[in-house]
Amino acid sequence: MDVAVIAGVVSTGLFAMSYLPMLVKAARTKDLSSYSLGNLAITNLGNVVYSVYVFSLPFGPVWFLHSFYLAACGLMFVWFLLWGGTRRRFVSRGTTRGGLAATRHRG
């Protein structure tokens, strides 16, 4: 392997590892209220269009990295459609995580 391929393999692993906490937290909490539907939709559209370029390149680490991004962004989009607005609606009703109404201290 030459230096460029080694760098590609290492960076692919690092980028994938940096995404895993976000995916795990989203799957565990089902709270995607900090994401926007527009951003996730454009990200997925961009990834699909970029796939034409990436998969025209010779097989290598970039294929794995882009495939991981496709899967991760696709999952986030689907999860947002399934659970995205739940937390936002709950919080906007004036309640907190524990379900108690938020009150202001007037002093």
N, C-alpha and C. Protein backbone atom coordinates (compact mmCIF):
# COMPACT_ATOMS: atom_id res chain seq x y z
N MET A 1 0.84 -1.20 0.00
CA MET A 1 0.00 0.00 0.00
C MET A 1 0.88 1.25 0.00
N ASP A 2 0.46 2.22 -0.76
CA ASP A 2 1.21 3.47 -0.73
C ASP A 2 0.64 4.40 0.33
N VAL A 3 1.32 5.50 0.55
CA VAL A 3 0.95 6.44 1.62
C VAL A 3 -0.46 6.99 1.43
N ALA A 4 -0.86 7.27 0.22
CA ALA A 4 -2.19 7.84 -0.04
C ALA A 4 -3.29 6.85 0.35
N VAL A 5 -3.11 5.58 0.04
CA VAL A 5 -4.13 4.58 0.39
C VAL A 5 -4.18 4.39 1.90
N ILE A 6 -3.03 4.37 2.55
CA ILE A 6 -3.00 4.24 4.02
C ILE A 6 -3.71 5.44 4.66
N ALA A 7 -3.43 6.64 4.15
CA ALA A 7 -4.11 7.84 4.67
C ALA A 7 -5.61 7.75 4.45
N GLY A 8 -6.02 7.22 3.30
CA GLY A 8 -7.45 7.05 3.03
C GLY A 8 -8.11 6.07 3.97
N VAL A 9 -7.43 4.97 4.26
CA VAL A 9 -7.98 3.96 5.18
C VAL A 9 -8.10 4.54 6.59
N VAL A 10 -7.05 5.21 7.06
CA VAL A 10 -7.05 5.79 8.41
C VAL A 10 -8.12 6.87 8.53
N SER A 11 -8.20 7.77 7.55
CA SER A 11 -9.19 8.86 7.63
C SER A 11 -10.61 8.31 7.54
N THR A 12 -10.82 7.28 6.75
CA THR A 12 -12.15 6.65 6.68
C THR A 12 -12.56 6.14 8.04
N GLY A 13 -11.65 5.47 8.72
CA GLY A 13 -11.95 4.97 10.06
C GLY A 13 -12.24 6.09 11.05
N LEU A 14 -11.44 7.16 10.98
CA LEU A 14 -11.65 8.29 11.89
C LEU A 14 -12.99 8.98 11.64
N PHE A 15 -13.31 9.23 10.37
CA PHE A 15 -14.59 9.87 10.06
C PHE A 15 -15.76 9.00 10.50
N ALA A 16 -15.68 7.71 10.26
CA ALA A 16 -16.76 6.81 10.66
C ALA A 16 -16.90 6.80 12.18
N MET A 17 -15.78 6.75 12.89
CA MET A 17 -15.83 6.77 14.36
C MET A 17 -16.42 8.07 14.88
N SER A 18 -16.19 9.18 14.18
CA SER A 18 -16.73 10.46 14.64
C SER A 18 -18.25 10.52 14.48
N TYR A 19 -18.80 9.77 13.56
CA TYR A 19 -20.25 9.75 13.34
C TYR A 19 -20.99 8.80 14.28
N LEU A 20 -20.29 7.77 14.75
CA LEU A 20 -20.97 6.74 15.55
C LEU A 20 -21.66 7.28 16.80
N PRO A 21 -21.04 8.17 17.60
CA PRO A 21 -21.75 8.68 18.78
C PRO A 21 -23.07 9.37 18.42
N MET A 22 -23.10 10.12 17.32
CA MET A 22 -24.33 10.79 16.88
C MET A 22 -25.40 9.75 16.54
N LEU A 23 -25.01 8.72 15.81
CA LEU A 23 -25.97 7.69 15.42
C LEU A 23 -26.48 6.92 16.62
N VAL A 24 -25.59 6.57 17.53
CA VAL A 24 -25.99 5.83 18.73
C VAL A 24 -26.94 6.67 19.59
N LYS A 25 -26.60 7.95 19.79
CA LYS A 25 -27.46 8.82 20.60
C LYS A 25 -28.83 8.99 19.96
N ALA A 26 -28.87 9.19 18.65
CA ALA A 26 -30.15 9.34 17.95
C ALA A 26 -30.98 8.07 18.06
N ALA A 27 -30.35 6.92 17.91
CA ALA A 27 -31.08 5.65 18.01
C ALA A 27 -31.56 5.41 19.44
N ARG A 28 -30.75 5.76 20.42
CA ARG A 28 -31.08 5.52 21.82
C ARG A 28 -32.18 6.46 22.32
N THR A 29 -32.07 7.75 22.01
CA THR A 29 -33.00 8.73 22.55
C THR A 29 -34.19 9.01 21.65
N LYS A 30 -34.05 8.73 20.37
CA LYS A 30 -35.08 9.05 19.37
C LYS A 30 -35.38 10.56 19.34
N ASP A 31 -34.41 11.35 19.78
CA ASP A 31 -34.55 12.81 19.81
C ASP A 31 -33.71 13.41 18.69
N LEU A 32 -34.37 13.78 17.62
CA LEU A 32 -33.69 14.41 16.49
C LEU A 32 -34.18 15.84 16.32
N SER A 33 -34.68 16.43 17.39
CA SER A 33 -35.26 17.77 17.31
C SER A 33 -34.23 18.84 16.99
N SER A 34 -32.95 18.55 17.14
CA SER A 34 -31.93 19.56 16.81
C SER A 34 -31.55 19.52 15.33
N TYR A 35 -32.14 18.61 14.58
CA TYR A 35 -31.88 18.50 13.14
C TYR A 35 -33.06 19.10 12.38
N SER A 36 -32.80 19.55 11.15
CA SER A 36 -33.89 20.08 10.35
C SER A 36 -34.15 19.14 9.17
N LEU A 37 -35.41 19.02 8.80
CA LEU A 37 -35.80 18.18 7.68
C LEU A 37 -35.12 18.66 6.40
N GLY A 38 -35.07 19.96 6.19
CA GLY A 38 -34.44 20.51 4.99
C GLY A 38 -32.98 20.15 4.88
N ASN A 39 -32.24 20.29 5.98
CA ASN A 39 -30.82 19.95 5.97
C ASN A 39 -30.60 18.47 5.69
N LEU A 40 -31.37 17.62 6.34
CA LEU A 40 -31.22 16.18 6.12
C LEU A 40 -31.59 15.79 4.70
N ALA A 41 -32.62 16.41 4.15
CA ALA A 41 -33.04 16.10 2.78
C ALA A 41 -31.97 16.54 1.77
N ILE A 42 -31.44 17.75 1.93
CA ILE A 42 -30.41 18.24 1.02
C ILE A 42 -29.13 17.41 1.16
N THR A 43 -28.76 17.04 2.37
CA THR A 43 -27.59 16.20 2.59
C THR A 43 -27.72 14.87 1.86
N ASN A 44 -28.90 14.26 1.97
CA ASN A 44 -29.12 12.98 1.29
C ASN A 44 -29.13 13.14 -0.22
N LEU A 45 -29.74 14.18 -0.72
CA LEU A 45 -29.74 14.44 -2.16
C LEU A 45 -28.31 14.66 -2.66
N GLY A 46 -27.54 15.46 -1.93
CA GLY A 46 -26.15 15.69 -2.28
C GLY A 46 -25.33 14.41 -2.28
N ASN A 47 -25.56 13.55 -1.30
CA ASN A 47 -24.85 12.27 -1.24
C ASN A 47 -25.19 11.38 -2.42
N VAL A 48 -26.45 11.37 -2.83
CA VAL A 48 -26.85 10.55 -3.97
C VAL A 48 -26.20 11.06 -5.25
N VAL A 49 -26.20 12.37 -5.46
CA VAL A 49 -25.57 12.94 -6.65
C VAL A 49 -24.06 12.71 -6.61
N TYR A 50 -23.44 12.89 -5.46
CA TYR A 50 -21.99 12.69 -5.30
C TYR A 50 -21.60 11.23 -5.54
N SER A 51 -22.53 10.32 -5.31
CA SER A 51 -22.27 8.90 -5.55
C SER A 51 -21.89 8.63 -6.99
N VAL A 52 -22.46 9.38 -7.92
CA VAL A 52 -22.12 9.21 -9.34
C VAL A 52 -20.62 9.41 -9.53
N TYR A 53 -20.08 10.42 -8.88
CA TYR A 53 -18.64 10.69 -8.98
C TYR A 53 -17.82 9.64 -8.22
N VAL A 54 -18.17 9.41 -6.95
CA VAL A 54 -17.36 8.52 -6.11
C VAL A 54 -17.28 7.12 -6.70
N PHE A 55 -18.40 6.58 -7.14
CA PHE A 55 -18.39 5.22 -7.64
C PHE A 55 -17.85 5.10 -9.06
N SER A 56 -17.49 6.24 -9.68
CA SER A 56 -16.79 6.18 -10.96
C SER A 56 -15.28 6.10 -10.74
N LEU A 57 -14.84 6.35 -9.50
CA LEU A 57 -13.42 6.26 -9.16
C LEU A 57 -13.02 4.80 -8.99
N PRO A 58 -11.73 4.50 -9.09
CA PRO A 58 -11.29 3.13 -8.81
C PRO A 58 -11.66 2.74 -7.38
N PHE A 59 -11.93 1.46 -7.19
CA PHE A 59 -12.30 0.95 -5.87
C PHE A 59 -11.22 1.29 -4.86
N GLY A 60 -11.64 1.81 -3.71
CA GLY A 60 -10.69 2.17 -2.67
C GLY A 60 -11.39 2.66 -1.43
N PRO A 61 -10.63 3.23 -0.48
CA PRO A 61 -11.19 3.68 0.79
C PRO A 61 -12.33 4.68 0.65
N VAL A 62 -12.28 5.53 -0.38
CA VAL A 62 -13.33 6.53 -0.54
C VAL A 62 -14.69 5.86 -0.77
N TRP A 63 -14.71 4.68 -1.37
CA TRP A 63 -15.97 3.95 -1.55
C TRP A 63 -16.57 3.59 -0.19
N PHE A 64 -15.73 3.12 0.72
CA PHE A 64 -16.22 2.75 2.05
C PHE A 64 -16.70 3.97 2.81
N LEU A 65 -15.92 5.05 2.75
CA LEU A 65 -16.31 6.26 3.45
C LEU A 65 -17.63 6.80 2.92
N HIS A 66 -17.75 6.88 1.61
CA HIS A 66 -18.98 7.42 1.04
C HIS A 66 -20.17 6.50 1.31
N SER A 67 -19.95 5.21 1.25
CA SER A 67 -21.03 4.26 1.57
C SER A 67 -21.50 4.42 3.01
N PHE A 68 -20.54 4.64 3.91
CA PHE A 68 -20.89 4.88 5.31
C PHE A 68 -21.71 6.16 5.45
N TYR A 69 -21.28 7.24 4.78
CA TYR A 69 -22.04 8.49 4.82
C TYR A 69 -23.45 8.31 4.24
N LEU A 70 -23.54 7.58 3.14
CA LEU A 70 -24.87 7.32 2.56
C LEU A 70 -25.78 6.64 3.57
N ALA A 71 -25.25 5.60 4.20
CA ALA A 71 -26.05 4.84 5.18
C ALA A 71 -26.39 5.70 6.40
N ALA A 72 -25.39 6.41 6.94
CA ALA A 72 -25.61 7.21 8.14
C ALA A 72 -26.61 8.34 7.89
N CYS A 73 -26.44 9.06 6.80
CA CYS A 73 -27.35 10.16 6.48
C CYS A 73 -28.74 9.64 6.14
N GLY A 74 -28.80 8.52 5.46
CA GLY A 74 -30.09 7.90 5.16
C GLY A 74 -30.83 7.50 6.43
N LEU A 75 -30.09 6.89 7.37
CA LEU A 75 -30.69 6.51 8.66
C LEU A 75 -31.21 7.74 9.41
N MET A 76 -30.40 8.79 9.46
CA MET A 76 -30.82 10.00 10.16
C MET A 76 -32.07 10.60 9.53
N PHE A 77 -32.16 10.56 8.22
CA PHE A 77 -33.33 11.08 7.52
C PHE A 77 -34.57 10.25 7.86
N VAL A 78 -34.45 8.94 7.79
CA VAL A 78 -35.58 8.05 8.12
C VAL A 78 -35.97 8.22 9.57
N TRP A 79 -34.99 8.26 10.46
CA TRP A 79 -35.29 8.44 11.88
C TRP A 79 -35.96 9.78 12.13
N PHE A 80 -35.52 10.83 11.44
CA PHE A 80 -36.17 12.13 11.61
C PHE A 80 -37.63 12.06 11.19
N LEU A 81 -37.90 11.38 10.08
CA LEU A 81 -39.29 11.24 9.63
C LEU A 81 -40.12 10.44 10.63
N LEU A 82 -39.49 9.46 11.27
CA LEU A 82 -40.21 8.64 12.25
C LEU A 82 -40.38 9.34 13.59
N TRP A 83 -39.31 9.97 14.09
CA TRP A 83 -39.33 10.51 15.45
C TRP A 83 -39.00 11.98 15.56
N GLY A 84 -38.62 12.64 14.51
CA GLY A 84 -38.02 13.97 14.55
C GLY A 84 -38.76 15.03 15.31
N GLY A 85 -40.06 15.15 15.14
CA GLY A 85 -40.78 16.25 15.76
C GLY A 85 -41.30 15.95 17.14
N THR A 86 -41.13 14.75 17.64
CA THR A 86 -41.72 14.37 18.92
C THR A 86 -41.25 15.24 20.07
N ARG A 87 -39.95 15.34 20.24
CA ARG A 87 -39.40 16.12 21.36
C ARG A 87 -39.76 17.59 21.20
N ARG A 88 -39.71 18.11 19.99
CA ARG A 88 -39.99 19.52 19.74
C ARG A 88 -41.41 19.86 20.18
N ARG A 89 -42.40 19.04 19.83
CA ARG A 89 -43.78 19.30 20.23
C ARG A 89 -43.93 19.21 21.74
N PHE A 90 -43.26 18.25 22.37
CA PHE A 90 -43.36 18.05 23.81
C PHE A 90 -42.81 19.27 24.55
N VAL A 91 -41.64 19.75 24.15
CA VAL A 91 -41.01 20.87 24.83
C VAL A 91 -41.78 22.16 24.57
N SER A 92 -42.35 22.32 23.38
CA SER A 92 -43.03 23.57 23.07
C SER A 92 -44.33 23.74 23.86
N ARG A 93 -44.81 22.70 24.49
CA ARG A 93 -46.03 22.82 25.30
C ARG A 93 -45.74 23.36 26.69
N GLY A 94 -44.49 23.72 26.95
CA GLY A 94 -44.16 24.31 28.24
C GLY A 94 -43.82 23.28 29.30
N THR A 95 -43.44 22.10 28.90
CA THR A 95 -43.07 21.10 29.87
C THR A 95 -41.58 20.80 29.76
N THR A 96 -41.06 20.22 30.79
CA THR A 96 -39.64 19.87 30.80
C THR A 96 -39.51 18.37 30.60
N ARG A 97 -38.28 17.89 30.61
CA ARG A 97 -38.03 16.46 30.42
C ARG A 97 -38.79 15.61 31.42
N GLY A 98 -38.88 16.04 32.64
CA GLY A 98 -39.55 15.26 33.67
C GLY A 98 -41.07 15.33 33.58
N GLY A 99 -41.59 16.15 32.71
CA GLY A 99 -43.02 16.26 32.53
C GLY A 99 -43.67 17.33 33.39
N LEU A 100 -42.89 18.05 34.19
CA LEU A 100 -43.44 19.10 35.04
C LEU A 100 -43.43 20.42 34.28
N ALA A 101 -44.41 21.22 34.53
CA ALA A 101 -44.49 22.52 33.86
C ALA A 101 -43.33 23.40 34.32
N ALA A 102 -42.72 24.08 33.38
CA ALA A 102 -41.63 24.99 33.71
C ALA A 102 -42.22 26.25 34.31
N THR A 103 -41.66 26.70 35.41
CA THR A 103 -42.15 27.91 36.05
C THR A 103 -41.00 28.90 36.20
N ARG A 104 -41.35 30.14 36.16
CA ARG A 104 -40.37 31.20 36.36
C ARG A 104 -40.34 31.59 37.83
N HIS A 105 -39.16 31.80 38.32
CA HIS A 105 -39.02 32.30 39.69
C HIS A 105 -39.07 33.82 39.65
N ARG A 106 -40.03 34.36 40.34
CA ARG A 106 -40.13 35.81 40.40
C ARG A 106 -39.69 36.27 41.78
N GLY A 107 -38.71 37.08 41.78
CA GLY A 107 -38.22 37.45 43.08
C GLY A 107 -38.03 38.83 43.23
